[in-house]
Amino acid sequence: MKVIIVEDEMLIAQVSKMQLENNGIEVMGLARSSESFWKLMNDSIRVVLMDVKLKQNESGIELAQEIRIKYPLLPIIFTTGNTRKFVEDKFKVKDGIKVLNKPMVYSELIELIRTMSAN
């Protein structure tokens, strides 16, 4: 299964990439902004791992709304240091959307990716 990680903190992105790849999940790239995300995005991507806050005050929630227009069924897993309720209140579409609080428990993330990409 193929994943894109959208995260402005490169240390977090690199650790996440390593954890996912060590568990058989193919990371197609790391993006820090909406522009770099769209350069990586293609029809083979099965899950997007998305931070709520991106580079230069961009919003992961706004990017996810753009993704929903072009890829309405693509699963998105938000990661946030904010509360889940904050994300759920901002992002009205619930189907195919999950939220994990930071710091992440990678075993939970891996299981969630596998579950979401299978649907």
PDB file of N, CA and C in Angstrom:
ATOM      1  N   MET A   1       0.832  -1.174   0.000  1.00  0.00           N
ATOM      2  CA  MET A   1       0.000   0.000   0.000  1.00  0.00           C
ATOM      3  C   MET A   1       0.877   1.238   0.000  1.00  0.00           C
ATOM      4  N   LYS A   2       0.414   2.281  -0.657  1.00  0.00           N
ATOM      5  CA  LYS A   2       1.227   3.484  -0.845  1.00  0.00           C
ATOM      6  C   LYS A   2       0.624   4.660  -0.082  1.00  0.00           C
ATOM      7  N   VAL A   3       1.513   5.386   0.592  1.00  0.00           N
ATOM      8  CA  VAL A   3       1.121   6.472   1.485  1.00  0.00           C
ATOM      9  C   VAL A   3       1.949   7.704   1.164  1.00  0.00           C
ATOM     10  N   ILE A   4       1.342   8.888   1.336  1.00  0.00           N
ATOM     11  CA  ILE A   4       2.085  10.156   1.332  1.00  0.00           C
ATOM     12  C   ILE A   4       1.985  10.725   2.744  1.00  0.00           C
ATOM     13  N   ILE A   5       3.108  11.216   3.252  1.00  0.00           N
ATOM     14  CA  ILE A   5       3.139  11.874   4.554  1.00  0.00           C
ATOM     15  C   ILE A   5       3.217  13.377   4.317  1.00  0.00           C
ATOM     16  N   VAL A   6       2.258  14.118   4.877  1.00  0.00           N
ATOM     17  CA  VAL A   6       2.234  15.577   4.770  1.00  0.00           C
ATOM     18  C   VAL A   6       2.479  16.125   6.173  1.00  0.00           C
ATOM     19  N   GLU A   7       3.682  16.625   6.399  1.00  0.00           N
ATOM     20  CA  GLU A   7       4.121  17.030   7.736  1.00  0.00           C
ATOM     21  C   GLU A   7       5.185  18.105   7.591  1.00  0.00           C
ATOM     22  N   ASP A   8       5.020  19.233   8.291  1.00  0.00           N
ATOM     23  CA  ASP A   8       5.998  20.312   8.172  1.00  0.00           C
ATOM     24  C   ASP A   8       7.248  20.084   9.009  1.00  0.00           C
ATOM     25  N   GLU A   9       7.164  19.275  10.048  1.00  0.00           N
ATOM     26  CA  GLU A   9       8.329  18.970  10.880  1.00  0.00           C
ATOM     27  C   GLU A   9       9.047  17.763  10.286  1.00  0.00           C
ATOM     28  N   MET A  10      10.188  18.005   9.661  1.00  0.00           N
ATOM     29  CA  MET A  10      10.860  16.938   8.919  1.00  0.00           C
ATOM     30  C   MET A  10      11.344  15.804   9.811  1.00  0.00           C
ATOM     31  N   LEU A  11      11.693  16.064  11.044  1.00  0.00           N
ATOM     32  CA  LEU A  11      12.099  14.986  11.940  1.00  0.00           C
ATOM     33  C   LEU A  11      10.926  14.022  12.174  1.00  0.00           C
ATOM     34  N   ILE A  12       9.758  14.567  12.431  1.00  0.00           N
ATOM     35  CA  ILE A  12       8.560  13.733  12.604  1.00  0.00           C
ATOM     36  C   ILE A  12       8.267  12.974  11.320  1.00  0.00           C
ATOM     37  N   ALA A  13       8.373  13.652  10.183  1.00  0.00           N
ATOM     38  CA  ALA A  13       8.112  12.998   8.894  1.00  0.00           C
ATOM     39  C   ALA A  13       9.080  11.847   8.646  1.00  0.00           C
ATOM     40  N   GLN A  14      10.350  12.061   8.935  1.00  0.00           N
ATOM     41  CA  GLN A  14      11.359  11.013   8.714  1.00  0.00           C
ATOM     42  C   GLN A  14      11.146   9.815   9.638  1.00  0.00           C
ATOM     43  N   VAL A  15      10.844  10.079  10.899  1.00  0.00           N
ATOM     44  CA  VAL A  15      10.586   8.986  11.845  1.00  0.00           C
ATOM     45  C   VAL A  15       9.344   8.212  11.418  1.00  0.00           C
ATOM     46  N   SER A  16       8.304   8.929  11.015  1.00  0.00           N
ATOM     47  CA  SER A  16       7.078   8.268  10.549  1.00  0.00           C
ATOM     48  C   SER A  16       7.363   7.414   9.323  1.00  0.00           C
ATOM     49  N   LYS A  17       8.127   7.953   8.390  1.00  0.00           N
ATOM     50  CA  LYS A  17       8.483   7.212   7.178  1.00  0.00           C
ATOM     51  C   LYS A  17       9.225   5.925   7.531  1.00  0.00           C
ATOM     52  N   MET A  18      10.197   6.035   8.423  1.00  0.00           N
ATOM     53  CA  MET A  18      10.973   4.869   8.822  1.00  0.00           C
ATOM     54  C   MET A  18      10.075   3.821   9.485  1.00  0.00           C
ATOM     55  N   GLN A  19       9.208   4.249  10.389  1.00  0.00           N
ATOM     56  CA  GLN A  19       8.316   3.325  11.083  1.00  0.00           C
ATOM     57  C   GLN A  19       7.381   2.612  10.099  1.00  0.00           C
ATOM     58  N   LEU A  20       6.838   3.361   9.162  1.00  0.00           N
ATOM     59  CA  LEU A  20       5.916   2.766   8.186  1.00  0.00           C
ATOM     60  C   LEU A  20       6.649   1.787   7.276  1.00  0.00           C
ATOM     61  N   GLU A  21       7.786   2.199   6.755  1.00  0.00           N
ATOM     62  CA  GLU A  21       8.537   1.320   5.847  1.00  0.00           C
ATOM     63  C   GLU A  21       9.027   0.063   6.550  1.00  0.00           C
ATOM     64  N   ASN A  22       9.399   0.177   7.813  1.00  0.00           N
ATOM     65  CA  ASN A  22       9.817  -0.998   8.576  1.00  0.00           C
ATOM     66  C   ASN A  22       8.674  -1.990   8.788  1.00  0.00           C
ATOM     67  N   ASN A  23       7.454  -1.535   8.528  1.00  0.00           N
ATOM     68  CA  ASN A  23       6.277  -2.382   8.674  1.00  0.00           C
ATOM     69  C   ASN A  23       5.599  -2.662   7.334  1.00  0.00           C
ATOM     70  N   GLY A  24       6.357  -2.527   6.249  1.00  0.00           N
ATOM     71  CA  GLY A  24       5.876  -2.926   4.935  1.00  0.00           C
ATOM     72  C   GLY A  24       4.967  -1.949   4.224  1.00  0.00           C
ATOM     73  N   ILE A  25       4.922  -0.715   4.682  1.00  0.00           N
ATOM     74  CA  ILE A  25       4.095   0.305   4.036  1.00  0.00           C
ATOM     75  C   ILE A  25       5.002   1.186   3.192  1.00  0.00           C
ATOM     76  N   GLU A  26       4.663   1.344   1.931  1.00  0.00           N
ATOM     77  CA  GLU A  26       5.492   2.110   1.001  1.00  0.00           C
ATOM     78  C   GLU A  26       5.156   3.600   1.092  1.00  0.00           C
ATOM     79  N   VAL A  27       6.130   4.405   1.474  1.00  0.00           N
ATOM     80  CA  VAL A  27       5.950   5.853   1.556  1.00  0.00           C
ATOM     81  C   VAL A  27       6.428   6.454   0.237  1.00  0.00           C
ATOM     82  N   MET A  28       5.499   7.060  -0.485  1.00  0.00           N
ATOM     83  CA  MET A  28       5.792   7.592  -1.814  1.00  0.00           C
ATOM     84  C   MET A  28       6.441   8.965  -1.770  1.00  0.00           C
ATOM     85  N   GLY A  29       6.428   9.584  -0.599  1.00  0.00           N
ATOM     86  CA  GLY A  29       7.089  10.864  -0.480  1.00  0.00           C
ATOM     87  C   GLY A  29       6.657  11.612   0.762  1.00  0.00           C
ATOM     88  N   LEU A  30       7.436  12.640   1.064  1.00  0.00           N
ATOM     89  CA  LEU A  30       7.176  13.524   2.193  1.00  0.00           C
ATOM     90  C   LEU A  30       6.878  14.904   1.640  1.00  0.00           C
ATOM     91  N   ALA A  31       5.791  15.490   2.088  1.00  0.00           N
ATOM     92  CA  ALA A  31       5.413  16.828   1.639  1.00  0.00           C
ATOM     93  C   ALA A  31       5.317  17.742   2.852  1.00  0.00           C
ATOM     94  N   ARG A  32       5.736  18.988   2.658  1.00  0.00           N
ATOM     95  CA  ARG A  32       5.657  19.973   3.747  1.00  0.00           C
ATOM     96  C   ARG A  32       4.580  21.023   3.492  1.00  0.00           C
ATOM     97  N   SER A  33       4.008  21.005   2.292  1.00  0.00           N
ATOM     98  CA  SER A  33       3.028  22.024   1.909  1.00  0.00           C
ATOM     99  C   SER A  33       2.062  21.433   0.890  1.00  0.00           C
ATOM    100  N   SER A  34       1.007  22.178   0.599  1.00  0.00           N
ATOM    101  CA  SER A  34       0.049  21.706  -0.401  1.00  0.00           C
ATOM    102  C   SER A  34       0.704  21.590  -1.772  1.00  0.00           C
ATOM    103  N   GLU A  35       1.585  22.516  -2.094  1.00  0.00           N
ATOM    104  CA  GLU A  35       2.267  22.469  -3.392  1.00  0.00           C
ATOM    105  C   GLU A  35       3.094  21.188  -3.541  1.00  0.00           C
ATOM    106  N   SER A  36       3.864  20.861  -2.521  1.00  0.00           N
ATOM    107  CA  SER A  36       4.682  19.643  -2.624  1.00  0.00           C
ATOM    108  C   SER A  36       3.807  18.392  -2.577  1.00  0.00           C
ATOM    109  N   PHE A  37       2.675  18.448  -1.882  1.00  0.00           N
ATOM    110  CA  PHE A  37       1.752  17.311  -1.886  1.00  0.00           C
ATOM    111  C   PHE A  37       1.253  17.023  -3.296  1.00  0.00           C
ATOM    112  N   TRP A  38       0.771  18.039  -3.986  1.00  0.00           N
ATOM    113  CA  TRP A  38       0.195  17.826  -5.325  1.00  0.00           C
ATOM    114  C   TRP A  38       1.241  17.338  -6.317  1.00  0.00           C
ATOM    115  N   LYS A  39       2.499  17.678  -6.101  1.00  0.00           N
ATOM    116  CA  LYS A  39       3.561  17.157  -6.973  1.00  0.00           C
ATOM    117  C   LYS A  39       3.745  15.653  -6.780  1.00  0.00           C
ATOM    118  N   LEU A  40       3.483  15.166  -5.577  1.00  0.00           N
ATOM    119  CA  LEU A  40       3.651  13.739  -5.271  1.00  0.00           C
ATOM    120  C   LEU A  40       2.396  12.912  -5.546  1.00  0.00           C
ATOM    121  N   MET A  41       1.238  13.540  -5.481  1.00  0.00           N
ATOM    122  CA  MET A  41      -0.029  12.808  -5.520  1.00  0.00           C
ATOM    123  C   MET A  41      -0.267  12.145  -6.872  1.00  0.00           C
ATOM    124  N   ASN A  42      -0.724  10.887  -6.819  1.00  0.00           N
ATOM    125  CA  ASN A  42      -1.143  10.173  -8.023  1.00  0.00           C
ATOM    126  C   ASN A  42      -2.192   9.143  -7.636  1.00  0.00           C
ATOM    127  N   ASP A  43      -2.757   8.478  -8.621  1.00  0.00           N
ATOM    128  CA  ASP A  43      -3.868   7.555  -8.381  1.00  0.00           C
ATOM    129  C   ASP A  43      -3.476   6.288  -7.634  1.00  0.00           C
ATOM    130  N   SER A  44      -2.180   6.039  -7.451  1.00  0.00           N
ATOM    131  CA  SER A  44      -1.769   4.825  -6.734  1.00  0.00           C
ATOM    132  C   SER A  44      -1.739   5.020  -5.211  1.00  0.00           C
ATOM    133  N   ILE A  45      -1.877   6.255  -4.741  1.00  0.00           N
ATOM    134  CA  ILE A  45      -1.844   6.538  -3.304  1.00  0.00           C
ATOM    135  C   ILE A  45      -3.112   5.989  -2.657  1.00  0.00           C
ATOM    136  N   ARG A  46      -2.936   5.286  -1.531  1.00  0.00           N
ATOM    137  CA  ARG A  46      -4.073   4.653  -0.847  1.00  0.00           C
ATOM    138  C   ARG A  46      -4.463   5.341   0.453  1.00  0.00           C
ATOM    139  N   VAL A  47      -3.525   6.090   1.075  1.00  0.00           N
ATOM    140  CA  VAL A  47      -3.804   6.800   2.327  1.00  0.00           C
ATOM    141  C   VAL A  47      -2.910   8.033   2.385  1.00  0.00           C
ATOM    142  N   VAL A  48      -3.452   9.123   2.940  1.00  0.00           N
ATOM    143  CA  VAL A  48      -2.666  10.329   3.197  1.00  0.00           C
ATOM    144  C   VAL A  48      -2.573  10.510   4.709  1.00  0.00           C
ATOM    145  N   LEU A  49      -1.342  10.636   5.193  1.00  0.00           N
ATOM    146  CA  LEU A  49      -1.088  10.946   6.600  1.00  0.00           C
ATOM    147  C   LEU A  49      -0.814  12.443   6.663  1.00  0.00           C
ATOM    148  N   MET A  50      -1.699  13.200   7.326  1.00  0.00           N
ATOM    149  CA  MET A  50      -1.701  14.665   7.209  1.00  0.00           C
ATOM    150  C   MET A  50      -1.627  15.355   8.562  1.00  0.00           C
ATOM    151  N   ASP A  51      -0.639  16.219   8.723  1.00  0.00           N
ATOM    152  CA  ASP A  51      -0.588  17.082   9.896  1.00  0.00           C
ATOM    153  C   ASP A  51      -1.642  18.171   9.719  1.00  0.00           C
ATOM    154  N   VAL A  52      -2.193  18.655  10.831  1.00  0.00           N
ATOM    155  CA  VAL A  52      -3.202  19.704  10.763  1.00  0.00           C
ATOM    156  C   VAL A  52      -2.575  21.033  10.369  1.00  0.00           C
ATOM    157  N   LYS A  53      -1.376  21.314  10.878  1.00  0.00           N
ATOM    158  CA  LYS A  53      -0.683  22.568  10.547  1.00  0.00           C
ATOM    159  C   LYS A  53       0.507  22.248   9.663  1.00  0.00           C
ATOM    160  N   LEU A  54       0.593  22.966   8.534  1.00  0.00           N
ATOM    161  CA  LEU A  54       1.659  22.725   7.569  1.00  0.00           C
ATOM    162  C   LEU A  54       2.594  23.921   7.496  1.00  0.00           C
ATOM    163  N   LYS A  55       3.538  23.837   6.592  1.00  0.00           N
ATOM    164  CA  LYS A  55       4.543  24.878   6.398  1.00  0.00           C
ATOM    165  C   LYS A  55       3.873  26.213   6.053  1.00  0.00           C
ATOM    166  N   GLN A  56       4.453  27.283   6.547  1.00  0.00           N
ATOM    167  CA  GLN A  56       4.019  28.650   6.267  1.00  0.00           C
ATOM    168  C   GLN A  56       2.539  28.866   6.574  1.00  0.00           C
ATOM    169  N   ASN A  57       2.110  28.349   7.716  1.00  0.00           N
ATOM    170  CA  ASN A  57       0.741  28.515   8.207  1.00  0.00           C
ATOM    171  C   ASN A  57      -0.341  27.953   7.294  1.00  0.00           C
ATOM    172  N   GLU A  58       0.030  27.036   6.412  1.00  0.00           N
ATOM    173  CA  GLU A  58      -0.984  26.366   5.614  1.00  0.00           C
ATOM    174  C   GLU A  58      -1.760  25.414   6.520  1.00  0.00           C
ATOM    175  N   SER A  59      -2.968  25.114   6.118  1.00  0.00           N
ATOM    176  CA  SER A  59      -3.833  24.246   6.898  1.00  0.00           C
ATOM    177  C   SER A  59      -3.978  22.883   6.231  1.00  0.00           C
ATOM    178  N   GLY A  60      -3.694  21.832   6.994  1.00  0.00           N
ATOM    179  CA  GLY A  60      -3.926  20.486   6.497  1.00  0.00           C
ATOM    180  C   GLY A  60      -5.406  20.226   6.270  1.00  0.00           C
ATOM    181  N   ILE A  61      -6.234  20.875   7.064  1.00  0.00           N
ATOM    182  CA  ILE A  61      -7.684  20.721   6.898  1.00  0.00           C
ATOM    183  C   ILE A  61      -8.122  21.278   5.553  1.00  0.00           C
ATOM    184  N   GLU A  62      -7.610  22.448   5.178  1.00  0.00           N
ATOM    185  CA  GLU A  62      -7.956  23.021   3.872  1.00  0.00           C
ATOM    186  C   GLU A  62      -7.435  22.148   2.737  1.00  0.00           C
ATOM    187  N   LEU A  63      -6.226  21.618   2.880  1.00  0.00           N
ATOM    188  CA  LEU A  63      -5.687  20.723   1.858  1.00  0.00           C
ATOM    189  C   LEU A  63      -6.553  19.474   1.749  1.00  0.00           C
ATOM    190  N   ALA A  64      -6.988  18.931   2.870  1.00  0.00           N
ATOM    191  CA  ALA A  64      -7.850  17.742   2.845  1.00  0.00           C
ATOM    192  C   ALA A  64      -9.166  18.032   2.128  1.00  0.00           C
ATOM    193  N   GLN A  65      -9.692  19.226   2.295  1.00  0.00           N
ATOM    194  CA  GLN A  65     -10.922  19.598   1.592  1.00  0.00           C
ATOM    195  C   GLN A  65     -10.682  19.640   0.080  1.00  0.00           C
ATOM    196  N   GLU A  66      -9.514  20.121  -0.333  1.00  0.00           N
ATOM    197  CA  GLU A  66      -9.151  20.104  -1.761  1.00  0.00           C
ATOM    198  C   GLU A  66      -9.009  18.666  -2.265  1.00  0.00           C
ATOM    199  N   ILE A  67      -8.384  17.820  -1.458  1.00  0.00           N
ATOM    200  CA  ILE A  67      -8.203  16.414  -1.826  1.00  0.00           C
ATOM    201  C   ILE A  67      -9.567  15.758  -2.027  1.00  0.00           C
ATOM    202  N   ARG A  68     -10.512  16.051  -1.136  1.00  0.00           N
ATOM    203  CA  ARG A  68     -11.851  15.465  -1.213  1.00  0.00           C
ATOM    204  C   ARG A  68     -12.551  15.793  -2.530  1.00  0.00           C
ATOM    205  N   ILE A  69     -12.257  16.929  -3.107  1.00  0.00           N
ATOM    206  CA  ILE A  69     -12.881  17.303  -4.383  1.00  0.00           C
ATOM    207  C   ILE A  69     -12.394  16.380  -5.495  1.00  0.00           C
ATOM    208  N   LYS A  70     -11.101  16.137  -5.551  1.00  0.00           N
ATOM    209  CA  LYS A  70     -10.530  15.320  -6.628  1.00  0.00           C
ATOM    210  C   LYS A  70     -10.541  13.830  -6.307  1.00  0.00           C
ATOM    211  N   TYR A  71     -10.356  13.485  -5.033  1.00  0.00           N
ATOM    212  CA  TYR A  71     -10.300  12.090  -4.594  1.00  0.00           C
ATOM    213  C   TYR A  71     -11.280  11.903  -3.434  1.00  0.00           C
ATOM    214  N   PRO A  72     -12.571  11.837  -3.708  1.00  0.00           N
ATOM    215  CA  PRO A  72     -13.568  11.837  -2.631  1.00  0.00           C
ATOM    216  C   PRO A  72     -13.505  10.642  -1.691  1.00  0.00           C
ATOM    217  N   LEU A  73     -12.913   9.540  -2.103  1.00  0.00           N
ATOM    218  CA  LEU A  73     -12.877   8.348  -1.264  1.00  0.00           C
ATOM    219  C   LEU A  73     -11.509   8.055  -0.656  1.00  0.00           C
ATOM    220  N   LEU A  74     -10.526   8.898  -0.927  1.00  0.00           N
ATOM    221  CA  LEU A  74      -9.177   8.668  -0.423  1.00  0.00           C
ATOM    222  C   LEU A  74      -9.131   8.859   1.095  1.00  0.00           C
ATOM    223  N   PRO A  75      -8.731   7.827   1.845  1.00  0.00           N
ATOM    224  CA  PRO A  75      -8.641   7.957   3.300  1.00  0.00           C
ATOM    225  C   PRO A  75      -7.562   8.962   3.711  1.00  0.00           C
ATOM    226  N   ILE A  76      -7.886   9.747   4.727  1.00  0.00           N
ATOM    227  CA  ILE A  76      -6.959  10.734   5.277  1.00  0.00           C
ATOM    228  C   ILE A  76      -6.877  10.513   6.780  1.00  0.00           C
ATOM    229  N   ILE A  77      -5.652  10.405   7.280  1.00  0.00           N
ATOM    230  CA  ILE A  77      -5.420  10.294   8.714  1.00  0.00           C
ATOM    231  C   ILE A  77      -4.749  11.587   9.161  1.00  0.00           C
ATOM    232  N   PHE A  78      -5.462  12.370   9.966  1.00  0.00           N
ATOM    233  CA  PHE A  78      -4.894  13.594  10.510  1.00  0.00           C
ATOM    234  C   PHE A  78      -4.065  13.271  11.741  1.00  0.00           C
ATOM    235  N   THR A  79      -2.954  13.976  11.899  1.00  0.00           N
ATOM    236  CA  THR A  79      -2.177  13.930  13.120  1.00  0.00           C
ATOM    237  C   THR A  79      -2.164  15.336  13.699  1.00  0.00           C
ATOM    238  N   THR A  80      -2.330  15.430  15.007  1.00  0.00           N
ATOM    239  CA  THR A  80      -2.421  16.758  15.598  1.00  0.00           C
ATOM    240  C   THR A  80      -2.013  16.755  17.061  1.00  0.00           C
ATOM    241  N   GLY A  81      -1.460  17.857  17.476  1.00  0.00           N
ATOM    242  CA  GLY A  81      -1.215  18.087  18.889  1.00  0.00           C
ATOM    243  C   GLY A  81      -2.439  18.728  19.531  1.00  0.00           C
ATOM    244  N   ASN A  82      -3.392  19.160  18.692  1.00  0.00           N
ATOM    245  CA  ASN A  82      -4.662  19.694  19.180  1.00  0.00           C
ATOM    246  C   ASN A  82      -5.584  18.531  19.523  1.00  0.00           C
ATOM    247  N   THR A  83      -6.747  18.833  19.992  1.00  0.00           N
ATOM    248  CA  THR A  83      -7.685  17.763  20.314  1.00  0.00           C
ATOM    249  C   THR A  83      -8.373  17.248  19.060  1.00  0.00           C
ATOM    250  N   ARG A  84      -8.836  16.023  19.120  1.00  0.00           N
ATOM    251  CA  ARG A  84      -9.592  15.440  18.015  1.00  0.00           C
ATOM    252  C   ARG A  84     -10.817  16.278  17.705  1.00  0.00           C
ATOM    253  N   LYS A  85     -11.486  16.771  18.739  1.00  0.00           N
ATOM    254  CA  LYS A  85     -12.710  17.547  18.540  1.00  0.00           C
ATOM    255  C   LYS A  85     -12.433  18.772  17.681  1.00  0.00           C
ATOM    256  N   PHE A  86     -11.293  19.426  17.886  1.00  0.00           N
ATOM    257  CA  PHE A  86     -10.923  20.578  17.074  1.00  0.00           C
ATOM    258  C   PHE A  86     -10.930  20.206  15.598  1.00  0.00           C
ATOM    259  N   VAL A  87     -10.295  19.107  15.264  1.00  0.00           N
ATOM    260  CA  VAL A  87     -10.212  18.669  13.868  1.00  0.00           C
ATOM    261  C   VAL A  87     -11.584  18.280  13.355  1.00  0.00           C
ATOM    262  N   GLU A  88     -12.321  17.503  14.139  1.00  0.00           N
ATOM    263  CA  GLU A  88     -13.634  17.050  13.694  1.00  0.00           C
ATOM    264  C   GLU A  88     -14.597  18.210  13.506  1.00  0.00           C
ATOM    265  N   ASP A  89     -14.494  19.233  14.342  1.00  0.00           N
ATOM    266  CA  ASP A  89     -15.347  20.412  14.172  1.00  0.00           C
ATOM    267  C   ASP A  89     -14.990  21.184  12.910  1.00  0.00           C
ATOM    268  N   LYS A  90     -13.705  21.239  12.595  1.00  0.00           N
ATOM    269  CA  LYS A  90     -13.269  21.978  11.412  1.00  0.00           C
ATOM    270  C   LYS A  90     -13.524  21.204  10.119  1.00  0.00           C
ATOM    271  N   PHE A  91     -13.409  19.887  10.184  1.00  0.00           N
ATOM    272  CA  PHE A  91     -13.525  19.065   8.989  1.00  0.00           C
ATOM    273  C   PHE A  91     -14.810  18.276   9.091  1.00  0.00           C
ATOM    274  N   LYS A  92     -15.813  18.701   8.345  1.00  0.00           N
ATOM    275  CA  LYS A  92     -17.154  18.153   8.497  1.00  0.00           C
ATOM    276  C   LYS A  92     -17.303  16.739   7.943  1.00  0.00           C
ATOM    277  N   VAL A  93     -16.531  16.346   6.951  1.00  0.00           N
ATOM    278  CA  VAL A  93     -16.665  15.028   6.352  1.00  0.00           C
ATOM    279  C   VAL A  93     -16.026  14.007   7.280  1.00  0.00           C
ATOM    280  N   LYS A  94     -16.801  13.031   7.746  1.00  0.00           N
ATOM    281  CA  LYS A  94     -16.291  12.049   8.700  1.00  0.00           C
ATOM    282  C   LYS A  94     -15.867  10.744   8.028  1.00  0.00           C
ATOM    283  N   ASP A  95     -16.534  10.352   6.943  1.00  0.00           N
ATOM    284  CA  ASP A  95     -16.191   9.095   6.288  1.00  0.00           C
ATOM    285  C   ASP A  95     -14.789   9.167   5.696  1.00  0.00           C
ATOM    286  N   GLY A  96     -13.979   8.163   6.003  1.00  0.00           N
ATOM    287  CA  GLY A  96     -12.622   8.116   5.468  1.00  0.00           C
ATOM    288  C   GLY A  96     -11.662   9.065   6.143  1.00  0.00           C
ATOM    289  N   ILE A  97     -12.080   9.640   7.268  1.00  0.00           N
ATOM    290  CA  ILE A  97     -11.235  10.574   8.021  1.00  0.00           C
ATOM    291  C   ILE A  97     -11.031  10.012   9.420  1.00  0.00           C
ATOM    292  N   LYS A  98      -9.784   9.939   9.848  1.00  0.00           N
ATOM    293  CA  LYS A  98      -9.457   9.539  11.210  1.00  0.00           C
ATOM    294  C   LYS A  98      -8.490  10.558  11.777  1.00  0.00           C
ATOM    295  N   VAL A  99      -8.438  10.644  13.098  1.00  0.00           N
ATOM    296  CA  VAL A  99      -7.561  11.603  13.760  1.00  0.00           C
ATOM    297  C   VAL A  99      -6.752  10.885  14.830  1.00  0.00           C
ATOM    298  N   LEU A 100      -5.437  11.075  14.794  1.00  0.00           N
ATOM    299  CA  LEU A 100      -4.544  10.564  15.833  1.00  0.00           C
ATOM    300  C   LEU A 100      -3.865  11.741  16.517  1.00  0.00           C
ATOM    301  N   ASN A 101      -3.842  11.704  17.832  1.00  0.00           N
ATOM    302  CA  ASN A 101      -3.142  12.745  18.572  1.00  0.00           C
ATOM    303  C   ASN A 101      -1.648  12.465  18.588  1.00  0.00           C
ATOM    304  N   LYS A 102      -0.864  13.547  18.596  1.00  0.00           N
ATOM    305  CA  LYS A 102       0.580  13.433  18.749  1.00  0.00           C
ATOM    306  C   LYS A 102       0.906  13.508  20.231  1.00  0.00           C
ATOM    307  N   PRO A 103       1.910  12.829  20.702  1.00  0.00           N
ATOM    308  CA  PRO A 103       2.775  11.947  19.926  1.00  0.00           C
ATOM    309  C   PRO A 103       2.030  10.676  19.529  1.00  0.00           C
ATOM    310  N   MET A 104       2.314  10.210  18.322  1.00  0.00           N
ATOM    311  CA  MET A 104       1.622   9.050  17.780  1.00  0.00           C
ATOM    312  C   MET A 104       2.161   7.759  18.372  1.00  0.00           C
ATOM    313  N   VAL A 105       1.281   6.801  18.480  1.00  0.00           N
ATOM    314  CA  VAL A 105       1.662   5.429  18.800  1.00  0.00           C
ATOM    315  C   VAL A 105       1.699   4.727  17.442  1.00  0.00           C
ATOM    316  N   TYR A 106       2.897   4.378  16.991  1.00  0.00           N
ATOM    317  CA  TYR A 106       3.054   3.894  15.617  1.00  0.00           C
ATOM    318  C   TYR A 106       2.340   2.577  15.358  1.00  0.00           C
ATOM    319  N   SER A 107       2.212   1.722  16.350  1.00  0.00           N
ATOM    320  CA  SER A 107       1.473   0.474  16.126  1.00  0.00           C
ATOM    321  C   SER A 107       0.016   0.779  15.801  1.00  0.00           C
ATOM    322  N   GLU A 108      -0.572   1.784  16.449  1.00  0.00           N
ATOM    323  CA  GLU A 108      -1.945   2.205  16.144  1.00  0.00           C
ATOM    324  C   GLU A 108      -2.033   2.795  14.743  1.00  0.00           C
ATOM    325  N   LEU A 109      -1.064   3.629  14.391  1.00  0.00           N
ATOM    326  CA  LEU A 109      -1.048   4.238  13.067  1.00  0.00           C
ATOM    327  C   LEU A 109      -0.960   3.181  11.979  1.00  0.00           C
ATOM    328  N   ILE A 110      -0.091   2.226  12.140  1.00  0.00           N
ATOM    329  CA  ILE A 110       0.103   1.177  11.134  1.00  0.00           C
ATOM    330  C   ILE A 110      -1.171   0.360  10.963  1.00  0.00           C
ATOM    331  N   GLU A 111      -1.796  -0.009  12.060  1.00  0.00           N
ATOM    332  CA  GLU A 111      -3.056  -0.762  11.996  1.00  0.00           C
ATOM    333  C   GLU A 111      -4.140   0.066  11.309  1.00  0.00           C
ATOM    334  N   LEU A 112      -4.206   1.345  11.624  1.00  0.00           N
ATOM    335  CA  LEU A 112      -5.198   2.232  11.015  1.00  0.00           C
ATOM    336  C   LEU A 112      -4.969   2.358   9.511  1.00  0.00           C
ATOM    337  N   ILE A 113      -3.730   2.524   9.090  1.00  0.00           N
ATOM    338  CA  ILE A 113      -3.422   2.601   7.657  1.00  0.00           C
ATOM    339  C   ILE A 113      -3.847   1.327   6.963  1.00  0.00           C
ATOM    340  N   ARG A 114      -3.524   0.189   7.538  1.00  0.00           N
ATOM    341  CA  ARG A 114      -3.887  -1.099   6.921  1.00  0.00           C
ATOM    342  C   ARG A 114      -5.403  -1.244   6.819  1.00  0.00           C
ATOM    343  N   THR A 115      -6.104  -0.864   7.853  1.00  0.00           N
ATOM    344  CA  THR A 115      -7.568  -0.961   7.851  1.00  0.00           C
ATOM    345  C   THR A 115      -8.182  -0.028   6.818  1.00  0.00           C
ATOM    346  N   MET A 116      -7.733   1.232   6.808  1.00  0.00           N
ATOM    347  CA  MET A 116      -8.315   2.220   5.903  1.00  0.00           C
ATOM    348  C   MET A 116      -7.993   1.928   4.448  1.00  0.00           C
ATOM    349  N   SER A 117      -6.804   1.417   4.169  1.00  0.00           N
ATOM    350  CA  SER A 117      -6.443   1.165   2.776  1.00  0.00           C
ATOM    351  C   SER A 117      -7.128  -0.083   2.225  1.00  0.00           C
ATOM    352  N   ALA A 118      -7.631  -0.929   3.113  1.00  0.00           N
ATOM    353  CA  ALA A 118      -8.314  -2.145   2.680  1.00  0.00           C
ATOM    354  C   ALA A 118      -9.757  -1.878   2.261  1.00  0.00           C
ATOM    355  N   ASN A 119     -10.304  -0.762   2.694  1.00  0.00           N
ATOM    356  CA  ASN A 119     -11.709  -0.442   2.376  1.00  0.00           C
ATOM    357  C   ASN A 119     -11.878   0.120   0.999  1.00  0.00           C
TER     358      ASN A 119
END
